[in-house]
Amino acid sequence: DSMLPVNRPRFDWLGFEANRVAAKQAYEQAGIRNPRKELD
């Protein structure tokens, strides 16, 4: 993501979009739909 939080649209200091996007990429490749139940 952009280095500065002020340059991230709608950044709310509640989480990080980079986390969510990286996870989405990995989950789609692995075929994971419910990480809480499928991951050990």
PDB file of all heavy atoms in Angstrom:
ATOM      1  N   ASP A   1       0.851  -1.188   0.000  1.00  0.00           N
ATOM      2  CA  ASP A   1       0.000   0.000   0.000  1.00  0.00           C
ATOM      3  C   ASP A   1       0.890   1.242   0.000  1.00  0.00           C
ATOM      4  O   ASP A   1       2.117   1.152   0.118  1.00  0.00           O
ATOM      5  CB  ASP A   1      -0.910  -0.016   1.237  1.00  0.00           C
ATOM      6  CG  ASP A   1      -2.201   0.754   1.027  1.00  0.00           C
ATOM      7  OD1 ASP A   1      -2.249   1.593   0.099  1.00  0.00           O
ATOM      8  OD2 ASP A   1      -3.157   0.528   1.783  1.00  0.00           O
ATOM      9  N   SER A   2       0.283   2.411  -0.093  1.00  0.00           N
ATOM     10  CA  SER A   2       1.033   3.663   0.013  1.00  0.00           C
ATOM     11  C   SER A   2       1.723   3.736   1.370  1.00  0.00           C
ATOM     12  O   SER A   2       1.185   3.303   2.388  1.00  0.00           O
ATOM     13  CB  SER A   2       0.081   4.846  -0.148  1.00  0.00           C
ATOM     14  OG  SER A   2       0.740   6.058   0.158  1.00  0.00           O
ATOM     15  N   MET A   3       2.923   4.301   1.396  1.00  0.00           N
ATOM     16  CA  MET A   3       3.677   4.350   2.642  1.00  0.00           C
ATOM     17  C   MET A   3       2.979   5.190   3.704  1.00  0.00           C
ATOM     18  O   MET A   3       2.898   4.810   4.862  1.00  0.00           O
ATOM     19  CB  MET A   3       5.086   4.897   2.404  1.00  0.00           C
ATOM     20  CG  MET A   3       5.902   5.033   3.680  1.00  0.00           C
ATOM     21  SD  MET A   3       7.614   5.465   3.387  1.00  0.00           S
ATOM     22  CE  MET A   3       8.256   3.896   2.817  1.00  0.00           C
ATOM     23  N   LEU A   4       2.455   6.345   3.313  1.00  0.00           N
ATOM     24  CA  LEU A   4       1.866   7.250   4.298  1.00  0.00           C
ATOM     25  C   LEU A   4       0.378   6.977   4.477  1.00  0.00           C
ATOM     26  O   LEU A   4      -0.371   6.942   3.496  1.00  0.00           O
ATOM     27  CB  LEU A   4       2.059   8.700   3.865  1.00  0.00           C
ATOM     28  CG  LEU A   4       3.500   9.190   3.772  1.00  0.00           C
ATOM     29  CD1 LEU A   4       3.521  10.645   3.312  1.00  0.00           C
ATOM     30  CD2 LEU A   4       4.217   9.055   5.092  1.00  0.00           C
ATOM     31  N   PRO A   5      -0.075   6.797   5.707  1.00  0.00           N
ATOM     32  CA  PRO A   5      -1.514   6.602   5.936  1.00  0.00           C
ATOM     33  C   PRO A   5      -2.373   7.719   5.360  1.00  0.00           C
ATOM     34  O   PRO A   5      -3.504   7.476   4.938  1.00  0.00           O
ATOM     35  CB  PRO A   5      -1.618   6.559   7.473  1.00  0.00           C
ATOM     36  CG  PRO A   5      -0.285   6.091   7.921  1.00  0.00           C
ATOM     37  CD  PRO A   5       0.698   6.678   6.946  1.00  0.00           C
ATOM     38  N   VAL A   6      -1.844   8.943   5.327  1.00  0.00           N
ATOM     39  CA  VAL A   6      -2.639  10.062   4.800  1.00  0.00           C
ATOM     40  C   VAL A   6      -2.900   9.916   3.307  1.00  0.00           C
ATOM     41  O   VAL A   6      -3.782  10.580   2.759  1.00  0.00           O
ATOM     42  CB  VAL A   6      -1.928  11.413   5.060  1.00  0.00           C
ATOM     43  CG1 VAL A   6      -1.865  11.699   6.541  1.00  0.00           C
ATOM     44  CG2 VAL A   6      -0.533  11.443   4.443  1.00  0.00           C
ATOM     45  N   ASN A   7      -2.141   9.037   2.620  1.00  0.00           N
ATOM     46  CA  ASN A   7      -2.343   8.820   1.190  1.00  0.00           C
ATOM     47  C   ASN A   7      -3.147   7.565   0.897  1.00  0.00           C
ATOM     48  O   ASN A   7      -3.211   7.133  -0.251  1.00  0.00           O
ATOM     49  CB  ASN A   7      -0.988   8.726   0.478  1.00  0.00           C
ATOM     50  CG  ASN A   7      -0.250  10.049   0.467  1.00  0.00           C
ATOM     51  OD1 ASN A   7      -0.867  11.107   0.555  1.00  0.00           O
ATOM     52  ND2 ASN A   7       1.070  10.004   0.369  1.00  0.00           N
ATOM     53  N   ARG A   8      -3.737   6.970   1.926  1.00  0.00           N
ATOM     54  CA  ARG A   8      -4.566   5.784   1.732  1.00  0.00           C
ATOM     55  C   ARG A   8      -6.036   6.195   1.876  1.00  0.00           C
ATOM     56  O   ARG A   8      -6.477   6.553   2.973  1.00  0.00           O
ATOM     57  CB  ARG A   8      -4.237   4.711   2.768  1.00  0.00           C
ATOM     58  CG  ARG A   8      -2.787   4.286   2.771  1.00  0.00           C
ATOM     59  CD  ARG A   8      -2.516   3.254   3.854  1.00  0.00           C
ATOM     60  NE  ARG A   8      -1.096   3.160   4.147  1.00  0.00           N
ATOM     61  CZ  ARG A   8      -0.572   2.451   5.127  1.00  0.00           C
ATOM     62  NH1 ARG A   8      -1.362   1.750   5.926  1.00  0.00           N
ATOM     63  NH2 ARG A   8       0.729   2.430   5.333  1.00  0.00           N
ATOM     64  N   PRO A   9      -6.807   6.155   0.809  1.00  0.00           N
ATOM     65  CA  PRO A   9      -8.224   6.555   0.904  1.00  0.00           C
ATOM     66  C   PRO A   9      -8.968   5.762   1.972  1.00  0.00           C
ATOM     67  O   PRO A   9      -8.848   4.544   2.045  1.00  0.00           O
ATOM     68  CB  PRO A   9      -8.765   6.248  -0.498  1.00  0.00           C
ATOM     69  CG  PRO A   9      -7.562   6.273  -1.381  1.00  0.00           C
ATOM     70  CD  PRO A   9      -6.431   5.743  -0.548  1.00  0.00           C
ATOM     71  N   ARG A  10      -9.685   6.464   2.802  1.00  0.00           N
ATOM     72  CA  ARG A  10     -10.559   5.870   3.823  1.00  0.00           C
ATOM     73  C   ARG A  10      -9.804   5.054   4.870  1.00  0.00           C
ATOM     74  O   ARG A  10     -10.377   4.191   5.524  1.00  0.00           O
ATOM     75  CB  ARG A  10     -11.649   5.009   3.164  1.00  0.00           C
ATOM     76  CG  ARG A  10     -12.571   5.785   2.256  1.00  0.00           C
ATOM     77  CD  ARG A  10     -13.570   4.892   1.543  1.00  0.00           C
ATOM     78  NE  ARG A  10     -12.906   3.906   0.699  1.00  0.00           N
ATOM     79  CZ  ARG A  10     -12.422   4.162  -0.518  1.00  0.00           C
ATOM     80  NH1 ARG A  10     -12.524   5.368  -1.023  1.00  0.00           N
ATOM     81  NH2 ARG A  10     -11.843   3.225  -1.219  1.00  0.00           N
ATOM     82  N   PHE A  11      -8.506   5.302   5.041  1.00  0.00           N
ATOM     83  CA  PHE A  11      -7.773   4.589   6.093  1.00  0.00           C
ATOM     84  C   PHE A  11      -8.329   4.998   7.449  1.00  0.00           C
ATOM     85  O   PHE A  11      -8.435   6.196   7.758  1.00  0.00           O
ATOM     86  CB  PHE A  11      -6.279   4.921   6.005  1.00  0.00           C
ATOM     87  CG  PHE A  11      -5.448   4.185   7.035  1.00  0.00           C
ATOM     88  CD1 PHE A  11      -5.301   2.810   6.967  1.00  0.00           C
ATOM     89  CD2 PHE A  11      -4.839   4.863   8.071  1.00  0.00           C
ATOM     90  CE1 PHE A  11      -4.546   2.128   7.899  1.00  0.00           C
ATOM     91  CE2 PHE A  11      -4.076   4.188   9.011  1.00  0.00           C
ATOM     92  CZ  PHE A  11      -3.934   2.824   8.928  1.00  0.00           C
ATOM     93  N   ASP A  12      -8.702   4.013   8.279  1.00  0.00           N
ATOM     94  CA  ASP A  12      -9.433   4.306   9.518  1.00  0.00           C
ATOM     95  C   ASP A  12      -8.695   3.891  10.786  1.00  0.00           C
ATOM     96  O   ASP A  12      -9.240   3.967  11.878  1.00  0.00           O
ATOM     97  CB  ASP A  12     -10.816   3.644   9.493  1.00  0.00           C
ATOM     98  CG  ASP A  12     -10.736   2.129   9.279  1.00  0.00           C
ATOM     99  OD1 ASP A  12      -9.624   1.566   9.328  1.00  0.00           O
ATOM    100  OD2 ASP A  12     -11.800   1.516   9.067  1.00  0.00           O
ATOM    101  N   TRP A  13      -7.442   3.417  10.674  1.00  0.00           N
ATOM    102  CA  TRP A  13      -6.671   2.964  11.833  1.00  0.00           C
ATOM    103  C   TRP A  13      -7.334   1.797  12.558  1.00  0.00           C
ATOM    104  O   TRP A  13      -7.122   1.575  13.738  1.00  0.00           O
ATOM    105  CB  TRP A  13      -6.401   4.108  12.818  1.00  0.00           C
ATOM    106  CG  TRP A  13      -5.404   5.090  12.303  1.00  0.00           C
ATOM    107  CD1 TRP A  13      -5.679   6.284  11.694  1.00  0.00           C
ATOM    108  CD2 TRP A  13      -3.981   4.976  12.319  1.00  0.00           C
ATOM    109  NE1 TRP A  13      -4.512   6.906  11.311  1.00  0.00           N
ATOM    110  CE2 TRP A  13      -3.451   6.139  11.692  1.00  0.00           C
ATOM    111  CE3 TRP A  13      -3.098   4.002  12.794  1.00  0.00           C
ATOM    112  CZ2 TRP A  13      -2.091   6.342  11.539  1.00  0.00           C
ATOM    113  CZ3 TRP A  13      -1.741   4.219  12.638  1.00  0.00           C
ATOM    114  CH2 TRP A  13      -1.243   5.378  12.024  1.00  0.00           C
ATOM    115  N   LEU A  14      -8.135   1.022  11.832  1.00  0.00           N
ATOM    116  CA  LEU A  14      -8.751  -0.179  12.412  1.00  0.00           C
ATOM    117  C   LEU A  14      -8.172  -1.459  11.828  1.00  0.00           C
ATOM    118  O   LEU A  14      -8.399  -2.542  12.353  1.00  0.00           O
ATOM    119  CB  LEU A  14     -10.270  -0.158  12.202  1.00  0.00           C
ATOM    120  CG  LEU A  14     -11.051   0.887  13.008  1.00  0.00           C
ATOM    121  CD1 LEU A  14     -12.515   0.886  12.589  1.00  0.00           C
ATOM    122  CD2 LEU A  14     -10.928   0.604  14.501  1.00  0.00           C
ATOM    123  N   GLY A  15      -7.445  -1.346  10.737  1.00  0.00           N
ATOM    124  CA  GLY A  15      -6.865  -2.511  10.091  1.00  0.00           C
ATOM    125  C   GLY A  15      -6.073  -2.068   8.887  1.00  0.00           C
ATOM    126  O   GLY A  15      -5.996  -0.880   8.573  1.00  0.00           O
ATOM    127  N   PHE A  16      -5.480  -3.047   8.188  1.00  0.00           N
ATOM    128  CA  PHE A  16      -4.603  -2.730   7.068  1.00  0.00           C
ATOM    129  C   PHE A  16      -5.056  -3.469   5.826  1.00  0.00           C
ATOM    130  O   PHE A  16      -5.153  -4.702   5.813  1.00  0.00           O
ATOM    131  CB  PHE A  16      -3.162  -3.094   7.412  1.00  0.00           C
ATOM    132  CG  PHE A  16      -2.628  -2.333   8.588  1.00  0.00           C
ATOM    133  CD1 PHE A  16      -2.566  -2.929   9.837  1.00  0.00           C
ATOM    134  CD2 PHE A  16      -2.226  -1.015   8.452  1.00  0.00           C
ATOM    135  CE1 PHE A  16      -2.098  -2.230  10.931  1.00  0.00           C
ATOM    136  CE2 PHE A  16      -1.755  -0.300   9.547  1.00  0.00           C
ATOM    137  CZ  PHE A  16      -1.688  -0.906  10.786  1.00  0.00           C
ATOM    138  N   GLU A  17      -5.313  -2.694   4.771  1.00  0.00           N
ATOM    139  CA  GLU A  17      -5.787  -3.296   3.535  1.00  0.00           C
ATOM    140  C   GLU A  17      -4.752  -4.254   2.951  1.00  0.00           C
ATOM    141  O   GLU A  17      -5.104  -5.262   2.339  1.00  0.00           O
ATOM    142  CB  GLU A  17      -6.138  -2.213   2.520  1.00  0.00           C
ATOM    143  CG  GLU A  17      -6.851  -2.750   1.298  1.00  0.00           C
ATOM    144  CD  GLU A  17      -7.402  -1.659   0.396  1.00  0.00           C
ATOM    145  OE1 GLU A  17      -7.064  -0.473   0.609  1.00  0.00           O
ATOM    146  OE2 GLU A  17      -8.169  -1.994  -0.529  1.00  0.00           O
ATOM    147  N   ALA A  18      -3.474  -3.958   3.149  1.00  0.00           N
ATOM    148  CA  ALA A  18      -2.433  -4.864   2.644  1.00  0.00           C
ATOM    149  C   ALA A  18      -2.596  -6.256   3.237  1.00  0.00           C
ATOM    150  O   ALA A  18      -2.411  -7.265   2.537  1.00  0.00           O
ATOM    151  CB  ALA A  18      -1.052  -4.307   2.961  1.00  0.00           C
ATOM    152  N   ASN A  19      -2.930  -6.346   4.518  1.00  0.00           N
ATOM    153  CA  ASN A  19      -3.208  -7.650   5.140  1.00  0.00           C
ATOM    154  C   ASN A  19      -4.341  -8.364   4.422  1.00  0.00           C
ATOM    155  O   ASN A  19      -4.254  -9.548   4.082  1.00  0.00           O
ATOM    156  CB  ASN A  19      -3.616  -7.466   6.603  1.00  0.00           C
ATOM    157  CG  ASN A  19      -2.452  -7.337   7.556  1.00  0.00           C
ATOM    158  OD1 ASN A  19      -1.343  -7.741   7.251  1.00  0.00           O
ATOM    159  ND2 ASN A  19      -2.708  -6.792   8.731  1.00  0.00           N
ATOM    160  N   ARG A  20      -5.416  -7.631   4.217  1.00  0.00           N
ATOM    161  CA  ARG A  20      -6.619  -8.240   3.650  1.00  0.00           C
ATOM    162  C   ARG A  20      -6.393  -8.688   2.202  1.00  0.00           C
ATOM    163  O   ARG A  20      -6.853  -9.757   1.789  1.00  0.00           O
ATOM    164  CB  ARG A  20      -7.783  -7.253   3.743  1.00  0.00           C
ATOM    165  CG  ARG A  20      -8.166  -6.896   5.174  1.00  0.00           C
ATOM    166  CD  ARG A  20      -9.439  -6.077   5.250  1.00  0.00           C
ATOM    167  NE  ARG A  20      -9.251  -4.706   4.826  1.00  0.00           N
ATOM    168  CZ  ARG A  20      -8.904  -3.696   5.627  1.00  0.00           C
ATOM    169  NH1 ARG A  20      -8.671  -3.919   6.917  1.00  0.00           N
ATOM    170  NH2 ARG A  20      -8.804  -2.474   5.153  1.00  0.00           N
ATOM    171  N   VAL A  21      -5.677  -7.881   1.430  1.00  0.00           N
ATOM    172  CA  VAL A  21      -5.436  -8.216   0.025  1.00  0.00           C
ATOM    173  C   VAL A  21      -4.480  -9.402  -0.094  1.00  0.00           C
ATOM    174  O   VAL A  21      -4.709 -10.325  -0.891  1.00  0.00           O
ATOM    175  CB  VAL A  21      -4.890  -6.989  -0.727  1.00  0.00           C
ATOM    176  CG1 VAL A  21      -4.442  -7.387  -2.136  1.00  0.00           C
ATOM    177  CG2 VAL A  21      -5.949  -5.895  -0.799  1.00  0.00           C
ATOM    178  N   ALA A  22      -3.393  -9.393   0.691  1.00  0.00           N
ATOM    179  CA  ALA A  22      -2.442 -10.516   0.648  1.00  0.00           C
ATOM    180  C   ALA A  22      -3.131 -11.813   1.044  1.00  0.00           C
ATOM    181  O   ALA A  22      -2.902 -12.869   0.431  1.00  0.00           O
ATOM    182  CB  ALA A  22      -1.253 -10.239   1.564  1.00  0.00           C
ATOM    183  N   ALA A  23      -3.973 -11.753   2.074  1.00  0.00           N
ATOM    184  CA  ALA A  23      -4.703 -12.945   2.504  1.00  0.00           C
ATOM    185  C   ALA A  23      -5.659 -13.428   1.421  1.00  0.00           C
ATOM    186  O   ALA A  23      -5.756 -14.635   1.146  1.00  0.00           O
ATOM    187  CB  ALA A  23      -5.466 -12.652   3.791  1.00  0.00           C
ATOM    188  N   LYS A  24      -6.346 -12.504   0.788  1.00  0.00           N
ATOM    189  CA  LYS A  24      -7.288 -12.866  -0.279  1.00  0.00           C
ATOM    190  C   LYS A  24      -6.561 -13.587  -1.417  1.00  0.00           C
ATOM    191  O   LYS A  24      -7.050 -14.594  -1.948  1.00  0.00           O
ATOM    192  CB  LYS A  24      -7.989 -11.612  -0.800  1.00  0.00           C
ATOM    193  CG  LYS A  24      -9.062 -11.868  -1.864  1.00  0.00           C
ATOM    194  CD  LYS A  24      -9.796 -10.563  -2.193  1.00  0.00           C
ATOM    195  CE  LYS A  24     -10.950 -10.819  -3.170  1.00  0.00           C
ATOM    196  NZ  LYS A  24     -10.449 -11.151  -4.532  1.00  0.00           N
ATOM    197  N   GLN A  25      -5.391 -13.076  -1.793  1.00  0.00           N
ATOM    198  CA  GLN A  25      -4.615 -13.716  -2.854  1.00  0.00           C
ATOM    199  C   GLN A  25      -4.259 -15.163  -2.471  1.00  0.00           C
ATOM    200  O   GLN A  25      -4.434 -16.092  -3.266  1.00  0.00           O
ATOM    201  CB  GLN A  25      -3.343 -12.926  -3.114  1.00  0.00           C
ATOM    202  CG  GLN A  25      -3.555 -11.544  -3.712  1.00  0.00           C
ATOM    203  CD  GLN A  25      -2.263 -10.725  -3.726  1.00  0.00           C
ATOM    204  OE1 GLN A  25      -1.207 -11.195  -3.306  1.00  0.00           O
ATOM    205  NE2 GLN A  25      -2.346  -9.491  -4.215  1.00  0.00           N
ATOM    206  N   ALA A  26      -3.737 -15.327  -1.261  1.00  0.00           N
ATOM    207  CA  ALA A  26      -3.308 -16.661  -0.827  1.00  0.00           C
ATOM    208  C   ALA A  26      -4.497 -17.607  -0.661  1.00  0.00           C
ATOM    209  O   ALA A  26      -4.420 -18.786  -1.038  1.00  0.00           O
ATOM    210  CB  ALA A  26      -2.530 -16.550   0.477  1.00  0.00           C
ATOM    211  N   TYR A  27      -5.591 -17.109  -0.072  1.00  0.00           N
ATOM    212  CA  TYR A  27      -6.761 -17.950   0.141  1.00  0.00           C
ATOM    213  C   TYR A  27      -7.346 -18.426  -1.190  1.00  0.00           C
ATOM    214  O   TYR A  27      -7.763 -19.586  -1.321  1.00  0.00           O
ATOM    215  CB  TYR A  27      -7.838 -17.184   0.916  1.00  0.00           C
ATOM    216  CG  TYR A  27      -7.504 -16.885   2.358  1.00  0.00           C
ATOM    217  CD1 TYR A  27      -8.167 -15.865   3.045  1.00  0.00           C
ATOM    218  CD2 TYR A  27      -6.530 -17.604   3.043  1.00  0.00           C
ATOM    219  CE1 TYR A  27      -7.878 -15.588   4.371  1.00  0.00           C
ATOM    220  CE2 TYR A  27      -6.226 -17.323   4.362  1.00  0.00           C
ATOM    221  CZ  TYR A  27      -6.910 -16.303   5.029  1.00  0.00           C
ATOM    222  OH  TYR A  27      -6.616 -16.029   6.340  1.00  0.00           O
ATOM    223  N   GLU A  28      -7.412 -17.550  -2.181  1.00  0.00           N
ATOM    224  CA  GLU A  28      -7.981 -17.942  -3.473  1.00  0.00           C
ATOM    225  C   GLU A  28      -7.141 -19.021  -4.127  1.00  0.00           C
ATOM    226  O   GLU A  28      -7.677 -19.982  -4.700  1.00  0.00           O
ATOM    227  CB  GLU A  28      -8.092 -16.707  -4.380  1.00  0.00           C
ATOM    228  CG  GLU A  28      -9.220 -15.764  -3.983  1.00  0.00           C
ATOM    229  CD  GLU A  28      -9.340 -14.583  -4.916  1.00  0.00           C
ATOM    230  OE1 GLU A  28      -8.460 -14.412  -5.803  1.00  0.00           O
ATOM    231  OE2 GLU A  28     -10.319 -13.809  -4.772  1.00  0.00           O
ATOM    232  N   GLN A  29      -5.814 -18.889  -4.058  1.00  0.00           N
ATOM    233  CA  GLN A  29      -4.949 -19.911  -4.646  1.00  0.00           C
ATOM    234  C   GLN A  29      -5.098 -21.254  -3.927  1.00  0.00           C
ATOM    235  O   GLN A  29      -5.098 -22.316  -4.557  1.00  0.00           O
ATOM    236  CB  GLN A  29      -3.494 -19.455  -4.585  1.00  0.00           C
ATOM    237  CG  GLN A  29      -3.172 -18.248  -5.454  1.00  0.00           C
ATOM    238  CD  GLN A  29      -1.787 -17.707  -5.173  1.00  0.00           C
ATOM    239  OE1 GLN A  29      -0.839 -18.470  -5.041  1.00  0.00           O
ATOM    240  NE2 GLN A  29      -1.667 -16.390  -5.090  1.00  0.00           N
ATOM    241  N   ALA A  30      -5.220 -21.193  -2.607  1.00  0.00           N
ATOM    242  CA  ALA A  30      -5.304 -22.415  -1.804  1.00  0.00           C
ATOM    243  C   ALA A  30      -6.709 -22.998  -1.757  1.00  0.00           C
ATOM    244  O   ALA A  30      -6.895 -24.118  -1.277  1.00  0.00           O
ATOM    245  CB  ALA A  30      -4.826 -22.127  -0.384  1.00  0.00           C
ATOM    246  N   GLY A  31      -7.695 -22.230  -2.237  1.00  0.00           N
ATOM    247  CA  GLY A  31      -9.083 -22.694  -2.187  1.00  0.00           C
ATOM    248  C   GLY A  31      -9.684 -22.615  -0.800  1.00  0.00           C
ATOM    249  O   GLY A  31     -10.596 -23.381  -0.458  1.00  0.00           O
ATOM    250  N   ILE A  32      -9.223 -21.677   0.007  1.00  0.00           N
ATOM    251  CA  ILE A  32      -9.727 -21.522   1.377  1.00  0.00           C
ATOM    252  C   ILE A  32     -10.845 -20.479   1.397  1.00  0.00           C
ATOM    253  O   ILE A  32     -10.661 -19.342   0.955  1.00  0.00           O
ATOM    254  CB  ILE A  32      -8.587 -21.101   2.328  1.00  0.00           C
ATOM    255  CG1 ILE A  32      -7.617 -22.265   2.514  1.00  0.00           C
ATOM    256  CG2 ILE A  32      -9.130 -20.638   3.683  1.00  0.00           C
ATOM    257  CD1 ILE A  32      -6.422 -21.940   3.371  1.00  0.00           C
ATOM    258  N   ARG A  33     -11.981 -20.862   1.934  1.00  0.00           N
ATOM    259  CA  ARG A  33     -13.128 -19.956   2.028  1.00  0.00           C
ATOM    260  C   ARG A  33     -13.420 -19.548   3.460  1.00  0.00           C
ATOM    261  O   ARG A  33     -13.972 -18.479   3.704  1.00  0.00           O
ATOM    262  CB  ARG A  33     -14.362 -20.627   1.409  1.00  0.00           C
ATOM    263  CG  ARG A  33     -14.206 -20.878  -0.088  1.00  0.00           C
ATOM    264  CD  ARG A  33     -15.410 -21.585  -0.675  1.00  0.00           C
ATOM    265  NE  ARG A  33     -15.259 -21.785  -2.113  1.00  0.00           N
ATOM    266  CZ  ARG A  33     -16.080 -22.513  -2.856  1.00  0.00           C
ATOM    267  NH1 ARG A  33     -17.120 -23.127  -2.284  1.00  0.00           N
ATOM    268  NH2 ARG A  33     -15.876 -22.636  -4.155  1.00  0.00           N
ATOM    269  N   ASN A  34     -13.078 -20.407   4.400  1.00  0.00           N
ATOM    270  CA  ASN A  34     -13.317 -20.094   5.818  1.00  0.00           C
ATOM    271  C   ASN A  34     -12.034 -20.373   6.593  1.00  0.00           C
ATOM    272  O   ASN A  34     -11.846 -21.473   7.100  1.00  0.00           O
ATOM    273  CB  ASN A  34     -14.471 -20.933   6.363  1.00  0.00           C
ATOM    274  CG  ASN A  34     -14.886 -20.509   7.762  1.00  0.00           C
ATOM    275  OD1 ASN A  34     -14.085 -19.989   8.544  1.00  0.00           O
ATOM    276  ND2 ASN A  34     -16.148 -20.726   8.104  1.00  0.00           N
ATOM    277  N   PRO A  35     -11.136 -19.377   6.674  1.00  0.00           N
ATOM    278  CA  PRO A  35      -9.833 -19.637   7.304  1.00  0.00           C
ATOM    279  C   PRO A  35      -9.934 -20.091   8.751  1.00  0.00           C
ATOM    280  O   PRO A  35      -9.133 -20.911   9.202  1.00  0.00           O
ATOM    281  CB  PRO A  35      -9.100 -18.294   7.177  1.00  0.00           C
ATOM    282  CG  PRO A  35     -10.173 -17.284   6.892  1.00  0.00           C
ATOM    283  CD  PRO A  35     -11.243 -18.004   6.169  1.00  0.00           C
ATOM    284  N   ARG A  36     -10.902 -19.593   9.483  1.00  0.00           N
ATOM    285  CA  ARG A  36     -11.052 -19.982  10.893  1.00  0.00           C
ATOM    286  C   ARG A  36     -11.293 -21.478  11.030  1.00  0.00           C
ATOM    287  O   ARG A  36     -10.761 -22.129  11.934  1.00  0.00           O
ATOM    288  CB  ARG A  36     -12.209 -19.185  11.513  1.00  0.00           C
ATOM    289  CG  ARG A  36     -12.646 -19.600  12.912  1.00  0.00           C
ATOM    290  CD  ARG A  36     -11.635 -19.189  13.992  1.00  0.00           C
ATOM    291  NE  ARG A  36     -12.215 -19.380  15.308  1.00  0.00           N
ATOM    292  CZ  ARG A  36     -12.854 -18.443  15.999  1.00  0.00           C
ATOM    293  NH1 ARG A  36     -13.003 -17.225  15.492  1.00  0.00           N
ATOM    294  NH2 ARG A  36     -13.345 -18.690  17.192  1.00  0.00           N
ATOM    295  N   LYS A  37     -12.065 -22.046  10.114  1.00  0.00           N
ATOM    296  CA  LYS A  37     -12.386 -23.469  10.195  1.00  0.00           C
ATOM    297  C   LYS A  37     -11.410 -24.350   9.441  1.00  0.00           C
ATOM    298  O   LYS A  37     -11.175 -25.503   9.832  1.00  0.00           O
ATOM    299  CB  LYS A  37     -13.811 -23.703   9.671  1.00  0.00           C
ATOM    300  CG  LYS A  37     -14.900 -23.149  10.579  1.00  0.00           C
ATOM    301  CD  LYS A  37     -16.280 -23.536  10.078  1.00  0.00           C
ATOM    302  CE  LYS A  37     -17.367 -23.057  11.035  1.00  0.00           C
ATOM    303  NZ  LYS A  37     -18.732 -23.436  10.563  1.00  0.00           N
ATOM    304  N   GLU A  38     -10.831 -23.823   8.360  1.00  0.00           N
ATOM    305  CA  GLU A  38     -10.004 -24.669   7.504  1.00  0.00           C
ATOM    306  C   GLU A  38      -8.536 -24.705   7.913  1.00  0.00           C
ATOM    307  O   GLU A  38      -7.855 -25.708   7.691  1.00  0.00           O
ATOM    308  CB  GLU A  38     -10.135 -24.215   6.056  1.00  0.00           C
ATOM    309  CG  GLU A  38     -11.536 -24.411   5.483  1.00  0.00           C
ATOM    310  CD  GLU A  38     -11.648 -23.905   4.056  1.00  0.00           C
ATOM    311  OE1 GLU A  38     -10.966 -24.459   3.186  1.00  0.00           O
ATOM    312  OE2 GLU A  38     -12.418 -22.945   3.829  1.00  0.00           O
ATOM    313  N   LEU A  39      -8.042 -23.626   8.497  1.00  0.00           N
ATOM    314  CA  LEU A  39      -6.649 -23.612   8.942  1.00  0.00           C
ATOM    315  C   LEU A  39      -6.522 -24.311  10.298  1.00  0.00           C
ATOM    316  O   LEU A  39      -7.418 -24.235  11.139  1.00  0.00           O
ATOM    317  CB  LEU A  39      -6.145 -22.169   9.067  1.00  0.00           C
ATOM    318  CG  LEU A  39      -5.988 -21.383   7.766  1.00  0.00           C
ATOM    319  CD1 LEU A  39      -5.686 -19.924   8.078  1.00  0.00           C
ATOM    320  CD2 LEU A  39      -4.902 -21.984   6.885  1.00  0.00           C
ATOM    321  N   ASP A  40      -5.390 -24.952  10.499  1.00  0.00           N
ATOM    322  CA  ASP A  40      -5.126 -25.652  11.760  1.00  0.00           C
ATOM    323  C   ASP A  40      -4.082 -24.942  12.613  1.00  0.00           C
ATOM    324  O   ASP A  40      -3.972 -25.223  13.810  1.00  0.00           O
ATOM    325  CB  ASP A  40      -4.655 -27.081  11.471  1.00  0.00           C
ATOM    326  CG  ASP A  40      -5.689 -27.875  10.702  1.00  0.00           C
ATOM    327  OD1 ASP A  40      -6.805 -28.044  11.215  1.00  0.00           O
ATOM    328  OD2 ASP A  40      -5.382 -28.312   9.570  1.00  0.00           O
TER     329      ASP A  40
END
